[in-house]
Amino acid sequence: MKVFVALDFGSAGPALEAARALAPLGVGFKVGLELFTAAGPAVVRDVQALGGPVFLDLKLHDIPNTVGGAARAAAALGVGWLTVHASAGPAAMRAAVEAAPGVGLLGVTVLTSLGEDDLAALGVTRGVAEQVRALGLAAVAAGCRGVVCSPREVALLRAALPAGAIVLATGVRPAGVAAGDQARVGTPRETVAAGADMVVVGRAVTAAADPVAACRAVLAEVAEAARQWLN
């Protein structure tokens, strides 16, 4: 079970300060659009230098040629994991997989900020769960190592996907932490118990009064849930 902390900062300084404080706990780090746009590839290298694996969460969504080129550039950075929107289509996902053979490609299913009404407004006739399942199956069929979903769909995907497929959950919030702009969330305990292989926590740790203590609490909850799940 791997826990990634989302370094959702607008500049490299505070992101690296947080990463230095949390790296001794053995977590990995997620670099997303905000930080990558502000600080570029250099911040990825700086975070990697701290020793933890980097999950580059760019959610690539473009034509296959562009997605493949971006995945190739990400692979050159040496990142461990990279996201591509499953809704970009099978050809785009295959392009990413072929361009970055050493990177764990994850297909993003339905963003955790979206609910049933949001999908309907976009013209999607399937409900969230059905859409997540369909996109998850498409991602694995295209060669992705696994998928990204909310805690609420972990069990569904664990049952639907072939053995060995990775399920990474975002929108993970400890009990009592506000959901913020996320529509579909779950606690670390619930998420691991449902069968997630990896989880991402962000503001619940980085915005806490004591980020190290908050991270330790998440890690303890994850470890306990993992032991119970394995038994």
Protein backbone atom coordinates (compact mmCIF):
# COMPACT_ATOMS: atom_id res chain seq x y z
CA MET A 1 0.00 0.00 0.00
CA LYS A 2 1.50 3.30 -1.09
CA VAL A 3 0.39 6.70 0.18
CA PHE A 4 1.09 9.74 -1.98
CA VAL A 5 0.89 13.27 -0.63
CA ALA A 6 -0.34 15.82 -3.18
CA LEU A 7 1.99 18.79 -3.38
CA ASP A 8 -0.73 21.18 -4.53
CA PHE A 9 1.19 24.42 -4.18
CA GLY A 10 1.59 27.38 -6.51
CA SER A 11 5.37 27.50 -6.31
CA ALA A 12 8.35 25.25 -5.71
CA GLY A 13 9.39 26.68 -2.33
CA PRO A 14 6.51 25.57 -0.12
CA ALA A 15 6.12 22.32 -2.08
CA LEU A 16 9.72 21.34 -1.44
CA GLU A 17 9.48 22.44 2.20
CA ALA A 18 6.51 20.11 2.67
CA ALA A 19 8.21 17.29 0.79
CA ARG A 20 11.38 17.55 2.90
CA ALA A 21 9.35 17.36 6.10
CA LEU A 22 7.28 14.37 4.95
CA ALA A 23 9.83 12.33 2.97
CA PRO A 24 11.25 10.60 6.10
CA LEU A 25 7.79 9.04 6.62
CA GLY A 26 8.20 6.98 3.45
CA VAL A 27 5.41 8.57 1.43
CA GLY A 28 5.46 9.29 -2.29
CA PHE A 29 4.56 12.65 -3.76
CA LYS A 30 2.03 13.75 -6.36
CA VAL A 31 2.97 16.64 -8.60
CA GLY A 32 -0.12 17.98 -10.33
CA LEU A 33 -1.01 20.65 -12.84
CA GLU A 34 -0.71 23.64 -10.52
CA LEU A 35 2.82 22.92 -9.32
CA PHE A 36 4.03 21.60 -12.66
CA THR A 37 2.74 24.69 -14.48
CA ALA A 38 4.32 27.01 -11.90
CA ALA A 39 7.69 25.32 -11.47
CA GLY A 40 8.14 22.99 -14.43
CA PRO A 41 10.16 19.79 -14.75
CA ALA A 42 12.80 21.10 -12.34
CA VAL A 43 10.48 20.66 -9.37
CA VAL A 44 9.89 17.02 -10.34
CA ARG A 45 13.63 16.41 -10.24
CA ASP A 46 13.95 18.23 -6.91
CA VAL A 47 11.17 16.14 -5.34
CA GLN A 48 12.71 12.95 -6.71
CA ALA A 49 16.01 13.89 -5.12
CA LEU A 50 14.32 13.54 -1.73
CA GLY A 51 13.96 9.82 -2.34
CA GLY A 52 10.24 9.16 -2.70
CA PRO A 53 8.50 8.05 -5.90
CA VAL A 54 6.82 10.80 -7.92
CA PHE A 55 3.32 10.50 -9.32
CA LEU A 56 3.02 13.06 -12.13
CA ASP A 57 -0.68 13.79 -12.25
CA LEU A 58 -1.06 15.75 -15.50
CA LYS A 59 -4.27 14.00 -16.61
CA LEU A 60 -3.26 14.11 -20.26
CA HIS A 61 -6.23 14.59 -22.57
CA ASP A 62 -5.43 15.38 -26.18
CA ILE A 63 -4.97 13.75 -29.58
CA PRO A 64 -2.85 10.56 -29.53
CA ASN A 65 0.25 12.20 -31.02
CA THR A 66 0.29 14.95 -28.39
CA VAL A 67 -0.46 12.56 -25.52
CA GLY A 68 2.32 10.26 -26.67
CA GLY A 69 4.81 13.11 -26.85
CA ALA A 70 3.90 14.36 -23.39
CA ALA A 71 4.20 10.84 -21.96
CA ARG A 72 7.62 10.46 -23.57
CA ALA A 73 8.76 13.71 -21.97
CA ALA A 74 7.43 12.58 -18.58
CA ALA A 75 9.27 9.29 -18.91
CA ALA A 76 12.50 11.19 -19.50
CA LEU A 77 12.00 12.79 -16.08
CA GLY A 78 12.02 9.35 -14.48
CA VAL A 79 8.61 9.59 -12.83
CA GLY A 80 7.05 6.42 -11.49
CA TRP A 81 3.43 7.11 -12.37
CA LEU A 82 1.60 9.29 -14.90
CA THR A 83 -2.09 9.92 -15.54
CA VAL A 84 -4.01 10.11 -18.80
CA HIS A 85 -7.75 10.70 -19.09
CA ALA A 86 -9.45 7.49 -20.16
CA SER A 87 -12.01 9.70 -21.92
CA ALA A 88 -9.25 10.78 -24.31
CA GLY A 89 -9.90 7.41 -25.95
CA PRO A 90 -8.12 4.09 -26.49
CA ALA A 91 -5.74 5.45 -29.16
CA ALA A 92 -4.49 8.23 -26.89
CA MET A 93 -4.00 5.84 -23.98
CA ARG A 94 -2.14 3.36 -26.18
CA ALA A 95 0.08 6.20 -27.43
CA ALA A 96 1.00 7.07 -23.86
CA VAL A 97 1.69 3.44 -22.95
CA GLU A 98 3.90 2.93 -26.01
CA ALA A 99 5.77 6.20 -25.51
CA ALA A 100 6.53 5.61 -21.83
CA PRO A 101 7.10 1.86 -21.33
CA GLY A 102 8.91 2.34 -18.03
CA VAL A 103 6.20 4.48 -16.44
CA GLY A 104 3.08 3.23 -14.70
CA LEU A 105 0.27 4.73 -16.79
CA LEU A 106 -3.01 5.23 -14.94
CA GLY A 107 -6.30 5.98 -16.67
CA VAL A 108 -8.38 8.65 -14.95
CA THR A 109 -12.03 7.59 -14.89
CA VAL A 110 -14.39 10.28 -13.53
CA LEU A 111 -12.99 13.24 -11.61
CA THR A 112 -13.83 13.17 -7.91
CA SER A 113 -15.39 16.63 -8.19
CA LEU A 114 -18.15 15.35 -10.51
CA GLY A 115 -21.51 13.95 -9.48
CA GLU A 116 -24.48 12.49 -11.31
CA ASP A 117 -25.88 15.90 -12.29
CA ASP A 118 -22.51 16.97 -13.70
CA LEU A 119 -22.31 13.95 -15.99
CA ALA A 120 -25.88 14.52 -17.15
CA ALA A 121 -25.05 18.14 -17.96
CA LEU A 122 -22.18 16.90 -20.11
CA GLY A 123 -24.46 14.57 -22.03
CA VAL A 124 -23.21 11.38 -20.38
CA THR A 125 -26.18 9.05 -20.10
CA ARG A 126 -24.53 6.56 -17.77
CA GLY A 127 -24.42 7.13 -14.03
CA VAL A 128 -21.11 7.79 -12.27
CA ALA A 129 -20.52 4.16 -11.25
CA GLU A 130 -21.29 2.84 -14.73
CA GLN A 131 -19.09 5.46 -16.36
CA VAL A 132 -16.22 4.73 -13.99
CA ARG A 133 -16.46 1.01 -14.72
CA ALA A 134 -16.60 1.52 -18.49
CA LEU A 135 -13.63 3.90 -18.53
CA GLY A 136 -11.65 1.73 -16.14
CA LEU A 137 -12.08 -1.32 -18.36
CA ALA A 138 -11.14 0.74 -21.42
CA ALA A 139 -7.97 1.98 -19.72
CA VAL A 140 -6.75 -1.48 -18.82
CA ALA A 141 -7.67 -2.80 -22.28
CA ALA A 142 -5.52 -0.02 -23.78
CA GLY A 143 -2.52 -1.18 -21.76
CA CYS A 144 -2.63 1.11 -18.73
CA ARG A 145 -1.25 -0.36 -15.51
CA GLY A 146 -4.35 0.72 -13.68
CA VAL A 147 -6.93 3.40 -13.01
CA VAL A 148 -7.72 6.42 -10.88
CA CYS A 149 -11.10 6.73 -9.17
CA SER A 150 -12.78 8.07 -6.08
CA PRO A 151 -12.99 5.98 -2.89
CA ARG A 152 -16.61 5.19 -3.72
CA GLU A 153 -15.74 3.19 -6.85
CA VAL A 154 -12.74 1.25 -5.54
CA ALA A 155 -14.69 -1.93 -4.73
CA LEU A 156 -16.54 -1.77 -8.04
CA LEU A 157 -13.30 -1.54 -10.02
CA ARG A 158 -11.53 -4.12 -7.90
CA ALA A 159 -14.26 -6.58 -8.86
CA ALA A 160 -14.40 -5.55 -12.53
CA LEU A 161 -10.73 -5.25 -13.44
CA PRO A 162 -8.36 -8.14 -14.10
CA ALA A 163 -5.98 -9.30 -11.38
CA GLY A 164 -2.89 -7.15 -11.17
CA ALA A 165 -4.56 -3.91 -12.27
CA ILE A 166 -3.71 -1.01 -9.97
CA VAL A 167 -6.51 0.99 -8.35
CA LEU A 168 -5.42 4.39 -7.09
CA ALA A 169 -7.93 6.47 -5.15
CA THR A 170 -8.02 10.23 -4.86
CA GLY A 171 -10.45 12.30 -2.82
CA VAL A 172 -9.29 10.55 0.36
CA ARG A 173 -10.16 12.49 3.50
CA PRO A 174 -9.73 11.47 7.15
CA ALA A 175 -12.95 11.56 9.16
CA GLY A 176 -13.89 15.09 10.12
CA VAL A 177 -11.95 16.78 7.30
CA ALA A 178 -14.07 18.91 4.96
CA ALA A 179 -14.63 17.53 1.46
CA GLY A 180 -13.86 20.88 -0.15
CA ASP A 181 -14.53 20.79 -3.91
CA GLN A 182 -14.72 16.99 -3.98
CA ALA A 183 -18.12 15.36 -4.56
CA ARG A 184 -17.11 11.74 -3.96
CA VAL A 185 -14.79 11.14 -1.02
CA GLY A 186 -13.94 8.48 1.54
CA THR A 187 -11.71 7.97 4.57
CA PRO A 188 -8.35 6.20 4.30
CA ARG A 189 -9.82 3.25 6.22
CA GLU A 190 -12.83 2.91 3.91
CA THR A 191 -10.69 3.27 0.79
CA VAL A 192 -8.15 0.65 1.75
CA ALA A 193 -10.84 -1.72 3.01
CA ALA A 194 -12.49 -1.47 -0.41
CA GLY A 195 -9.29 -2.72 -2.05
CA ALA A 196 -7.27 0.31 -3.18
CA ASP A 197 -3.60 -0.30 -3.95
CA MET A 198 -2.58 3.35 -3.59
CA VAL A 199 -4.18 6.46 -2.12
CA VAL A 200 -3.58 10.18 -2.50
CA VAL A 201 -4.08 12.65 0.33
CA GLY A 202 -3.56 16.36 -0.09
CA ARG A 203 -4.91 19.28 1.87
CA ALA A 204 -5.82 17.04 4.81
CA VAL A 205 -2.06 16.75 5.35
CA THR A 206 -0.44 19.77 3.74
CA ALA A 207 -2.94 22.29 5.15
CA ALA A 208 -2.94 20.76 8.65
CA ALA A 209 -1.51 22.69 11.59
CA ASP A 210 1.07 19.90 11.94
CA PRO A 211 1.49 18.19 8.53
CA VAL A 212 3.86 15.54 9.86
CA ALA A 213 1.45 14.51 12.62
CA ALA A 214 -1.46 14.53 10.16
CA CYS A 215 0.50 12.35 7.76
CA ARG A 216 1.47 9.92 10.51
CA ALA A 217 -2.20 9.57 11.43
CA VAL A 218 -3.15 8.79 7.83
CA LEU A 219 -0.35 6.25 7.51
CA ALA A 220 -1.43 4.54 10.75
CA GLU A 221 -5.05 4.36 9.57
CA VAL A 222 -3.97 2.97 6.20
CA ALA A 223 -1.71 0.36 7.80
CA GLU A 224 -4.42 -0.81 10.18
CA ALA A 225 -6.98 -1.06 7.39
CA ALA A 226 -4.52 -2.94 5.17
CA ARG A 227 -3.84 -5.49 7.91
CA GLN A 228 -7.58 -6.04 8.40
CA TRP A 229 -8.18 -6.30 4.65
CA LEU A 230 -5.44 -8.90 4.22
CA ASN A 231 -6.84 -10.95 7.09
